[in-house]
């Protein structure tokens, strides 16, 4: 090898190593975000109950719930029968020093049949990115996870 070939191959290896490192860091960050290891998390919306505010296939980014104030009109992510759901808070009542949050999907005619308590709430929706989650829903329906 001549010196020029050696220097070029060194530059290519260094550039490739930097590229791989950036990809690994990005994928680690994305994995932690999806698994809610940060203050913020993300969720692919799989139903049309919030169409208009959040559509099926949108990705909603939410702040993890740690007893922040939830107001009427906030969109919350909560657990219901081992499923994470996204609905709007339509009423809040303090019953025996326990907050009861009544929720409803924007498109649904009726409110949800039961109230949510603080331990049910996963997070408060902050913003969405439209249709980014459609491939996830497609794969989910294809393989029937």
N, C-alpha and C. Protein backbone atom coordinates (compact mmCIF):
# COMPACT_ATOMS: atom_id res chain seq x y z
N UNK A 1 0.83 -1.19 0.00
CA UNK A 1 0.00 0.00 0.00
C UNK A 1 0.87 1.24 0.00
N UNK A 2 0.42 2.19 -0.78
CA UNK A 2 1.10 3.47 -0.74
C UNK A 2 0.54 4.29 0.41
N UNK A 3 1.22 5.35 0.76
CA UNK A 3 0.80 6.19 1.87
C UNK A 3 -0.58 6.80 1.60
N UNK A 4 -0.84 7.19 0.38
CA UNK A 4 -2.12 7.81 0.04
C UNK A 4 -3.28 6.83 0.24
N UNK A 5 -3.14 5.60 -0.19
CA UNK A 5 -4.18 4.59 -0.03
C UNK A 5 -4.41 4.31 1.45
N UNK A 6 -3.33 4.24 2.23
CA UNK A 6 -3.44 4.00 3.66
C UNK A 6 -4.21 5.13 4.34
N UNK A 7 -3.90 6.37 4.02
CA UNK A 7 -4.57 7.53 4.62
C UNK A 7 -6.05 7.54 4.25
N UNK A 8 -6.37 7.24 2.98
CA UNK A 8 -7.77 7.21 2.55
C UNK A 8 -8.53 6.09 3.25
N UNK A 9 -7.92 4.92 3.39
CA UNK A 9 -8.61 3.82 4.06
C UNK A 9 -8.81 4.15 5.55
N UNK A 10 -7.86 4.84 6.16
CA UNK A 10 -8.01 5.26 7.55
C UNK A 10 -9.17 6.23 7.69
N UNK A 11 -9.29 7.18 6.79
CA UNK A 11 -10.40 8.16 6.82
C UNK A 11 -11.75 7.47 6.64
N UNK A 12 -11.81 6.52 5.73
CA UNK A 12 -13.06 5.80 5.48
C UNK A 12 -13.45 5.01 6.73
N UNK A 13 -12.50 4.31 7.35
CA UNK A 13 -12.80 3.55 8.56
C UNK A 13 -13.25 4.46 9.69
N UNK A 14 -12.59 5.60 9.84
CA UNK A 14 -12.96 6.55 10.89
C UNK A 14 -14.37 7.11 10.64
N UNK A 15 -14.68 7.45 9.40
CA UNK A 15 -16.01 7.96 9.06
C UNK A 15 -17.08 6.90 9.29
N UNK A 16 -16.78 5.66 8.90
CA UNK A 16 -17.73 4.57 9.12
C UNK A 16 -17.95 4.31 10.61
N UNK A 17 -16.91 4.37 11.40
CA UNK A 17 -17.03 4.17 12.85
C UNK A 17 -17.88 5.28 13.47
N UNK A 18 -17.67 6.51 13.03
CA UNK A 18 -18.47 7.63 13.53
C UNK A 18 -19.94 7.46 13.14
N UNK A 19 -20.19 7.04 11.91
CA UNK A 19 -21.54 6.81 11.43
C UNK A 19 -22.23 5.72 12.25
N UNK A 20 -21.57 4.62 12.48
CA UNK A 20 -22.13 3.52 13.27
C UNK A 20 -22.40 3.97 14.71
N UNK A 21 -21.50 4.74 15.29
CA UNK A 21 -21.69 5.25 16.65
C UNK A 21 -22.92 6.14 16.73
N UNK A 22 -23.10 7.01 15.76
CA UNK A 22 -24.26 7.89 15.74
C UNK A 22 -25.54 7.08 15.62
N UNK A 23 -25.54 6.08 14.76
CA UNK A 23 -26.72 5.21 14.59
C UNK A 23 -27.03 4.49 15.90
N UNK A 24 -26.03 3.95 16.56
CA UNK A 24 -26.25 3.23 17.83
C UNK A 24 -26.81 4.16 18.89
N UNK A 25 -26.26 5.36 19.01
CA UNK A 25 -26.76 6.32 20.00
C UNK A 25 -28.21 6.69 19.68
N UNK A 26 -28.52 6.94 18.43
CA UNK A 26 -29.87 7.30 18.03
C UNK A 26 -30.85 6.16 18.32
N UNK A 27 -30.48 4.93 17.98
CA UNK A 27 -31.36 3.79 18.22
C UNK A 27 -31.55 3.54 19.72
N UNK A 28 -30.51 3.74 20.52
CA UNK A 28 -30.64 3.61 21.96
C UNK A 28 -31.59 4.65 22.51
N UNK A 29 -31.45 5.89 22.06
CA UNK A 29 -32.35 6.96 22.48
C UNK A 29 -33.78 6.65 22.09
N UNK A 30 -34.00 6.20 20.87
CA UNK A 30 -35.34 5.89 20.38
C UNK A 30 -35.94 4.73 21.18
N UNK A 31 -35.15 3.71 21.46
CA UNK A 31 -35.63 2.58 22.25
C UNK A 31 -36.02 3.01 23.65
N UNK A 32 -35.23 3.86 24.27
CA UNK A 32 -35.55 4.34 25.61
C UNK A 32 -36.79 5.22 25.59
N UNK A 33 -36.96 6.00 24.53
CA UNK A 33 -38.14 6.84 24.41
C UNK A 33 -39.40 5.99 24.27
N UNK A 34 -39.34 4.97 23.43
CA UNK A 34 -40.48 4.09 23.22
C UNK A 34 -40.81 3.33 24.50
N UNK A 35 -39.80 2.92 25.25
CA UNK A 35 -40.04 2.15 26.47
C UNK A 35 -40.26 3.04 27.69
N UNK A 36 -40.38 4.35 27.47
CA UNK A 36 -40.71 5.32 28.51
C UNK A 36 -39.67 5.37 29.63
N UNK A 37 -38.40 5.30 29.29
CA UNK A 37 -37.34 5.38 30.27
C UNK A 37 -36.96 6.82 30.61
N UNK A 38 -37.52 7.76 29.90
CA UNK A 38 -37.27 9.17 30.14
C UNK A 38 -38.51 9.80 30.78
N UNK A 39 -38.44 11.10 30.97
CA UNK A 39 -39.60 11.84 31.45
C UNK A 39 -40.70 11.83 30.40
N UNK A 40 -40.31 11.67 29.15
CA UNK A 40 -41.27 11.66 28.05
C UNK A 40 -41.29 10.29 27.39
N UNK A 41 -42.42 9.95 26.82
CA UNK A 41 -42.57 8.68 26.11
C UNK A 41 -43.39 8.92 24.86
N UNK A 42 -43.56 7.87 24.08
CA UNK A 42 -44.38 7.99 22.89
C UNK A 42 -45.23 6.75 22.73
N UNK A 43 -46.36 6.93 22.05
CA UNK A 43 -47.32 5.87 21.89
C UNK A 43 -47.95 5.98 20.51
N UNK A 44 -48.03 4.88 19.80
CA UNK A 44 -48.73 4.84 18.52
C UNK A 44 -50.21 4.65 18.83
N UNK A 45 -51.05 5.51 18.31
CA UNK A 45 -52.49 5.45 18.56
C UNK A 45 -53.10 4.44 17.59
N UNK A 46 -53.78 3.44 18.16
CA UNK A 46 -54.30 2.35 17.35
C UNK A 46 -55.80 2.37 17.14
N UNK A 47 -56.49 3.40 17.60
CA UNK A 47 -57.94 3.46 17.38
C UNK A 47 -58.33 4.87 16.92
N UNK A 48 -59.54 4.99 16.48
CA UNK A 48 -60.01 6.27 15.98
C UNK A 48 -60.86 7.04 16.97
N UNK A 49 -60.81 6.70 18.25
CA UNK A 49 -61.68 7.34 19.23
C UNK A 49 -61.34 8.81 19.48
N UNK A 50 -60.16 9.25 19.09
CA UNK A 50 -59.77 10.65 19.29
C UNK A 50 -59.57 11.37 17.96
N UNK A 51 -60.15 10.85 16.89
CA UNK A 51 -59.98 11.42 15.55
C UNK A 51 -60.26 12.92 15.57
N UNK A 52 -59.38 13.64 14.95
CA UNK A 52 -59.43 15.10 14.94
C UNK A 52 -58.27 15.65 15.76
N UNK A 53 -58.25 15.29 17.03
CA UNK A 53 -57.15 15.72 17.89
C UNK A 53 -55.94 14.82 17.68
N UNK A 54 -56.18 13.51 17.69
CA UNK A 54 -55.14 12.50 17.46
C UNK A 54 -55.77 11.40 16.62
N UNK A 55 -55.25 11.17 15.44
CA UNK A 55 -55.82 10.19 14.52
C UNK A 55 -55.17 8.83 14.68
N UNK A 56 -55.85 7.81 14.18
CA UNK A 56 -55.28 6.46 14.17
C UNK A 56 -54.01 6.48 13.32
N UNK A 57 -52.92 5.95 13.88
CA UNK A 57 -51.63 5.94 13.18
C UNK A 57 -50.73 7.09 13.57
N UNK A 58 -51.24 8.05 14.32
CA UNK A 58 -50.40 9.14 14.81
C UNK A 58 -49.54 8.64 15.97
N UNK A 59 -48.43 9.29 16.19
CA UNK A 59 -47.61 9.02 17.37
C UNK A 59 -47.81 10.20 18.30
N UNK A 60 -48.24 9.92 19.52
CA UNK A 60 -48.40 10.99 20.50
C UNK A 60 -47.24 10.92 21.49
N UNK A 61 -46.65 12.05 21.74
CA UNK A 61 -45.58 12.16 22.74
C UNK A 61 -46.21 12.66 24.02
N UNK A 62 -45.88 11.99 25.10
CA UNK A 62 -46.50 12.35 26.38
C UNK A 62 -45.46 12.49 27.48
N UNK A 63 -45.83 13.29 28.47
CA UNK A 63 -45.01 13.45 29.66
C UNK A 63 -45.49 12.43 30.68
N UNK A 64 -44.58 11.63 31.23
CA UNK A 64 -44.95 10.64 32.22
C UNK A 64 -45.63 11.31 33.40
N UNK A 65 -46.63 10.64 33.92
CA UNK A 65 -47.43 11.22 35.01
C UNK A 65 -46.77 10.93 36.36
N UNK A 66 -46.48 12.00 37.07
CA UNK A 66 -45.94 11.91 38.43
C UNK A 66 -46.67 12.92 39.31
N UNK A 67 -47.98 12.75 39.41
CA UNK A 67 -48.86 13.60 40.23
C UNK A 67 -48.87 15.07 39.82
N UNK A 68 -48.66 15.35 38.51
CA UNK A 68 -48.84 16.71 38.04
C UNK A 68 -50.34 17.03 38.05
N UNK A 69 -50.64 18.29 37.94
CA UNK A 69 -52.04 18.68 37.87
C UNK A 69 -52.61 18.29 36.51
N UNK A 70 -53.74 17.63 36.54
CA UNK A 70 -54.47 17.29 35.32
C UNK A 70 -55.72 18.16 35.32
N UNK A 71 -55.93 18.84 34.20
CA UNK A 71 -57.08 19.74 34.09
C UNK A 71 -58.11 19.16 33.13
N UNK A 72 -59.31 19.62 33.28
CA UNK A 72 -60.38 19.27 32.36
C UNK A 72 -59.96 19.69 30.95
N UNK A 73 -60.09 18.79 29.99
CA UNK A 73 -59.69 19.07 28.62
C UNK A 73 -58.33 18.49 28.25
N UNK A 74 -57.52 18.10 29.24
CA UNK A 74 -56.23 17.47 28.95
C UNK A 74 -56.45 16.10 28.31
N UNK A 75 -55.54 15.72 27.43
CA UNK A 75 -55.57 14.39 26.83
C UNK A 75 -54.59 13.53 27.61
N UNK A 76 -55.10 12.43 28.17
CA UNK A 76 -54.27 11.57 29.01
C UNK A 76 -54.15 10.18 28.41
N UNK A 77 -53.04 9.53 28.75
CA UNK A 77 -52.82 8.13 28.40
C UNK A 77 -53.01 7.36 29.69
N UNK A 78 -53.87 6.34 29.67
CA UNK A 78 -54.13 5.56 30.88
C UNK A 78 -54.21 4.09 30.55
N UNK A 79 -54.03 3.27 31.59
CA UNK A 79 -54.13 1.82 31.43
C UNK A 79 -55.57 1.39 31.71
N UNK A 80 -56.08 0.55 30.83
CA UNK A 80 -57.41 -0.02 31.01
C UNK A 80 -57.35 -1.46 30.52
N UNK A 81 -57.48 -2.40 31.43
CA UNK A 81 -57.40 -3.84 31.10
C UNK A 81 -56.13 -4.16 30.32
N UNK A 82 -54.99 -3.73 30.81
CA UNK A 82 -53.67 -3.98 30.21
C UNK A 82 -53.48 -3.37 28.83
N UNK A 83 -54.28 -2.38 28.49
CA UNK A 83 -54.13 -1.66 27.23
C UNK A 83 -53.94 -0.18 27.57
N UNK A 84 -53.05 0.48 26.85
CA UNK A 84 -52.91 1.92 27.04
C UNK A 84 -53.87 2.63 26.10
N UNK A 85 -54.68 3.51 26.66
CA UNK A 85 -55.68 4.23 25.88
C UNK A 85 -55.41 5.73 25.96
N UNK A 86 -55.89 6.44 24.95
CA UNK A 86 -55.73 7.89 24.88
C UNK A 86 -57.12 8.51 24.80
N UNK A 87 -57.51 9.26 25.84
CA UNK A 87 -58.81 9.95 25.86
C UNK A 87 -58.65 11.31 26.53
N UNK A 88 -59.68 12.13 26.36
CA UNK A 88 -59.70 13.47 26.94
C UNK A 88 -60.41 13.44 28.30
N UNK A 89 -59.90 14.20 29.26
CA UNK A 89 -60.53 14.32 30.57
C UNK A 89 -61.71 15.28 30.43
N UNK A 90 -62.91 14.80 30.78
CA UNK A 90 -64.10 15.65 30.65
C UNK A 90 -64.62 16.12 32.00
N UNK A 91 -64.20 15.47 33.08
CA UNK A 91 -64.64 15.89 34.41
C UNK A 91 -63.66 15.35 35.45
N UNK A 92 -63.53 16.09 36.54
CA UNK A 92 -62.65 15.69 37.63
C UNK A 92 -63.42 15.88 38.93
N UNK A 93 -63.41 14.86 39.77
CA UNK A 93 -64.08 14.94 41.07
C UNK A 93 -63.15 14.43 42.16
N UNK A 94 -63.19 15.10 43.31
CA UNK A 94 -62.43 14.67 44.48
C UNK A 94 -63.37 13.89 45.38
N UNK A 95 -63.15 12.58 45.48
CA UNK A 95 -64.00 11.71 46.28
C UNK A 95 -63.13 11.09 47.37
N UNK A 96 -63.41 11.46 48.62
CA UNK A 96 -62.65 10.95 49.76
C UNK A 96 -61.15 11.15 49.57
N UNK A 97 -60.74 12.35 49.17
CA UNK A 97 -59.35 12.72 48.93
C UNK A 97 -58.67 11.88 47.85
N UNK A 98 -59.46 11.33 46.96
CA UNK A 98 -58.92 10.62 45.80
C UNK A 98 -59.53 11.26 44.55
N UNK A 99 -58.65 11.63 43.62
CA UNK A 99 -59.12 12.27 42.40
C UNK A 99 -59.67 11.21 41.45
N UNK A 100 -60.87 11.48 40.94
CA UNK A 100 -61.50 10.62 39.94
C UNK A 100 -61.54 11.41 38.63
N UNK A 101 -60.95 10.84 37.60
CA UNK A 101 -60.90 11.49 36.29
C UNK A 101 -61.86 10.75 35.36
N UNK A 102 -62.81 11.48 34.83
CA UNK A 102 -63.78 10.92 33.89
C UNK A 102 -63.31 11.28 32.48
N UNK A 103 -63.24 10.27 31.61
CA UNK A 103 -62.64 10.45 30.29
C UNK A 103 -63.63 10.06 29.18
N UNK A 104 -63.29 10.53 27.98
CA UNK A 104 -64.12 10.23 26.81
C UNK A 104 -63.29 10.44 25.56
N UNK A 105 -63.46 9.57 24.59
CA UNK A 105 -62.86 9.79 23.28
C UNK A 105 -63.63 10.89 22.57
N UNK A 106 -62.94 11.76 21.86
CA UNK A 106 -63.62 12.88 21.21
C UNK A 106 -64.72 12.44 20.25
N UNK A 107 -64.55 11.30 19.58
CA UNK A 107 -65.52 10.83 18.60
C UNK A 107 -66.61 9.99 19.25
N UNK A 108 -66.34 9.44 20.42
CA UNK A 108 -67.31 8.58 21.10
C UNK A 108 -68.52 9.41 21.53
N UNK A 109 -69.69 8.81 21.43
CA UNK A 109 -70.92 9.49 21.82
C UNK A 109 -71.02 9.61 23.35
N UNK A 110 -70.65 8.55 24.04
CA UNK A 110 -70.77 8.51 25.49
C UNK A 110 -69.41 8.54 26.16
N UNK A 111 -69.42 9.00 27.41
CA UNK A 111 -68.20 8.99 28.22
C UNK A 111 -67.83 7.55 28.56
N UNK A 112 -66.59 7.33 28.94
CA UNK A 112 -66.16 6.00 29.36
C UNK A 112 -67.00 5.55 30.54
N UNK A 113 -67.22 4.26 30.66
CA UNK A 113 -68.14 3.72 31.66
C UNK A 113 -67.64 3.87 33.10
N UNK A 114 -66.35 4.08 33.28
CA UNK A 114 -65.79 4.16 34.63
C UNK A 114 -64.83 5.33 34.72
N UNK A 115 -64.47 5.70 35.91
CA UNK A 115 -63.51 6.78 36.12
C UNK A 115 -62.11 6.22 36.22
N UNK A 116 -61.12 7.09 36.09
CA UNK A 116 -59.72 6.72 36.24
C UNK A 116 -59.20 7.34 37.54
N UNK A 117 -58.26 6.65 38.17
CA UNK A 117 -57.59 7.21 39.34
C UNK A 117 -56.13 7.45 38.97
N UNK A 118 -55.41 8.12 39.84
CA UNK A 118 -54.03 8.51 39.56
C UNK A 118 -53.15 7.33 39.15
N UNK A 119 -53.36 6.18 39.77
CA UNK A 119 -52.50 5.03 39.46
C UNK A 119 -52.78 4.46 38.06
N UNK A 120 -53.93 4.78 37.46
CA UNK A 120 -54.24 4.33 36.11
C UNK A 120 -53.54 5.17 35.05
N UNK A 121 -53.21 6.41 35.38
CA UNK A 121 -52.72 7.36 34.39
C UNK A 121 -51.23 7.15 34.14
N UNK A 122 -50.88 7.03 32.86
CA UNK A 122 -49.50 6.82 32.43
C UNK A 122 -48.84 8.15 32.11
N UNK A 123 -49.58 9.04 31.44
CA UNK A 123 -48.99 10.30 31.04
C UNK A 123 -50.01 11.28 30.50
N UNK A 124 -49.52 12.48 30.21
CA UNK A 124 -50.33 13.55 29.66
C UNK A 124 -49.78 13.88 28.28
N UNK A 125 -50.64 13.80 27.27
CA UNK A 125 -50.22 14.03 25.89
C UNK A 125 -49.77 15.47 25.70
N UNK A 126 -48.64 15.65 25.03
CA UNK A 126 -48.10 16.99 24.78
C UNK A 126 -48.23 17.40 23.32
N UNK A 127 -47.89 16.48 22.39
CA UNK A 127 -48.06 16.78 20.97
C UNK A 127 -48.06 15.47 20.20
N UNK A 128 -48.38 15.57 18.92
CA UNK A 128 -48.44 14.38 18.08
C UNK A 128 -47.67 14.62 16.78
N UNK A 129 -47.29 13.53 16.16
CA UNK A 129 -46.73 13.58 14.81
C UNK A 129 -47.65 12.70 13.98
N UNK A 130 -48.20 13.28 12.95
CA UNK A 130 -49.23 12.61 12.16
C UNK A 130 -48.67 11.44 11.35
N UNK A 131 -49.37 10.33 11.40
CA UNK A 131 -49.21 9.15 10.55
C UNK A 131 -47.85 8.46 10.63
N UNK A 132 -47.00 8.81 11.55
CA UNK A 132 -45.69 8.16 11.68
C UNK A 132 -45.85 6.71 12.15
N UNK A 133 -46.90 6.43 12.90
CA UNK A 133 -47.10 5.09 13.44
C UNK A 133 -47.84 4.13 12.54
N UNK A 134 -48.24 4.57 11.35
CA UNK A 134 -48.98 3.70 10.44
C UNK A 134 -48.21 2.42 10.11
N UNK A 135 -46.90 2.47 9.82
CA UNK A 135 -46.18 1.20 9.57
C UNK A 135 -46.23 0.25 10.76
N UNK A 136 -46.20 0.77 11.97
CA UNK A 136 -46.29 -0.08 13.16
C UNK A 136 -47.64 -0.76 13.22
N UNK A 137 -48.72 -0.02 12.95
CA UNK A 137 -50.06 -0.62 12.95
C UNK A 137 -50.19 -1.66 11.85
N UNK A 138 -49.59 -1.38 10.69
CA UNK A 138 -49.64 -2.32 9.59
C UNK A 138 -48.92 -3.62 9.96
N UNK A 139 -47.71 -3.50 10.54
CA UNK A 139 -46.97 -4.69 10.96
C UNK A 139 -47.73 -5.45 12.05
N UNK A 140 -48.33 -4.71 12.96
CA UNK A 140 -49.10 -5.33 14.04
C UNK A 140 -50.25 -6.14 13.48
N UNK A 141 -50.97 -5.60 12.51
CA UNK A 141 -52.09 -6.33 11.93
C UNK A 141 -51.60 -7.48 11.05
N UNK A 142 -50.45 -7.32 10.42
CA UNK A 142 -49.90 -8.35 9.56
C UNK A 142 -49.49 -9.59 10.36
N UNK A 143 -48.83 -9.37 11.49
CA UNK A 143 -48.33 -10.47 12.31
C UNK A 143 -49.23 -10.79 13.49
N UNK A 144 -50.26 -10.00 13.68
CA UNK A 144 -51.25 -10.20 14.75
C UNK A 144 -50.61 -10.42 16.11
N UNK A 145 -49.82 -9.43 16.54
CA UNK A 145 -49.14 -9.51 17.85
C UNK A 145 -50.13 -9.58 18.96
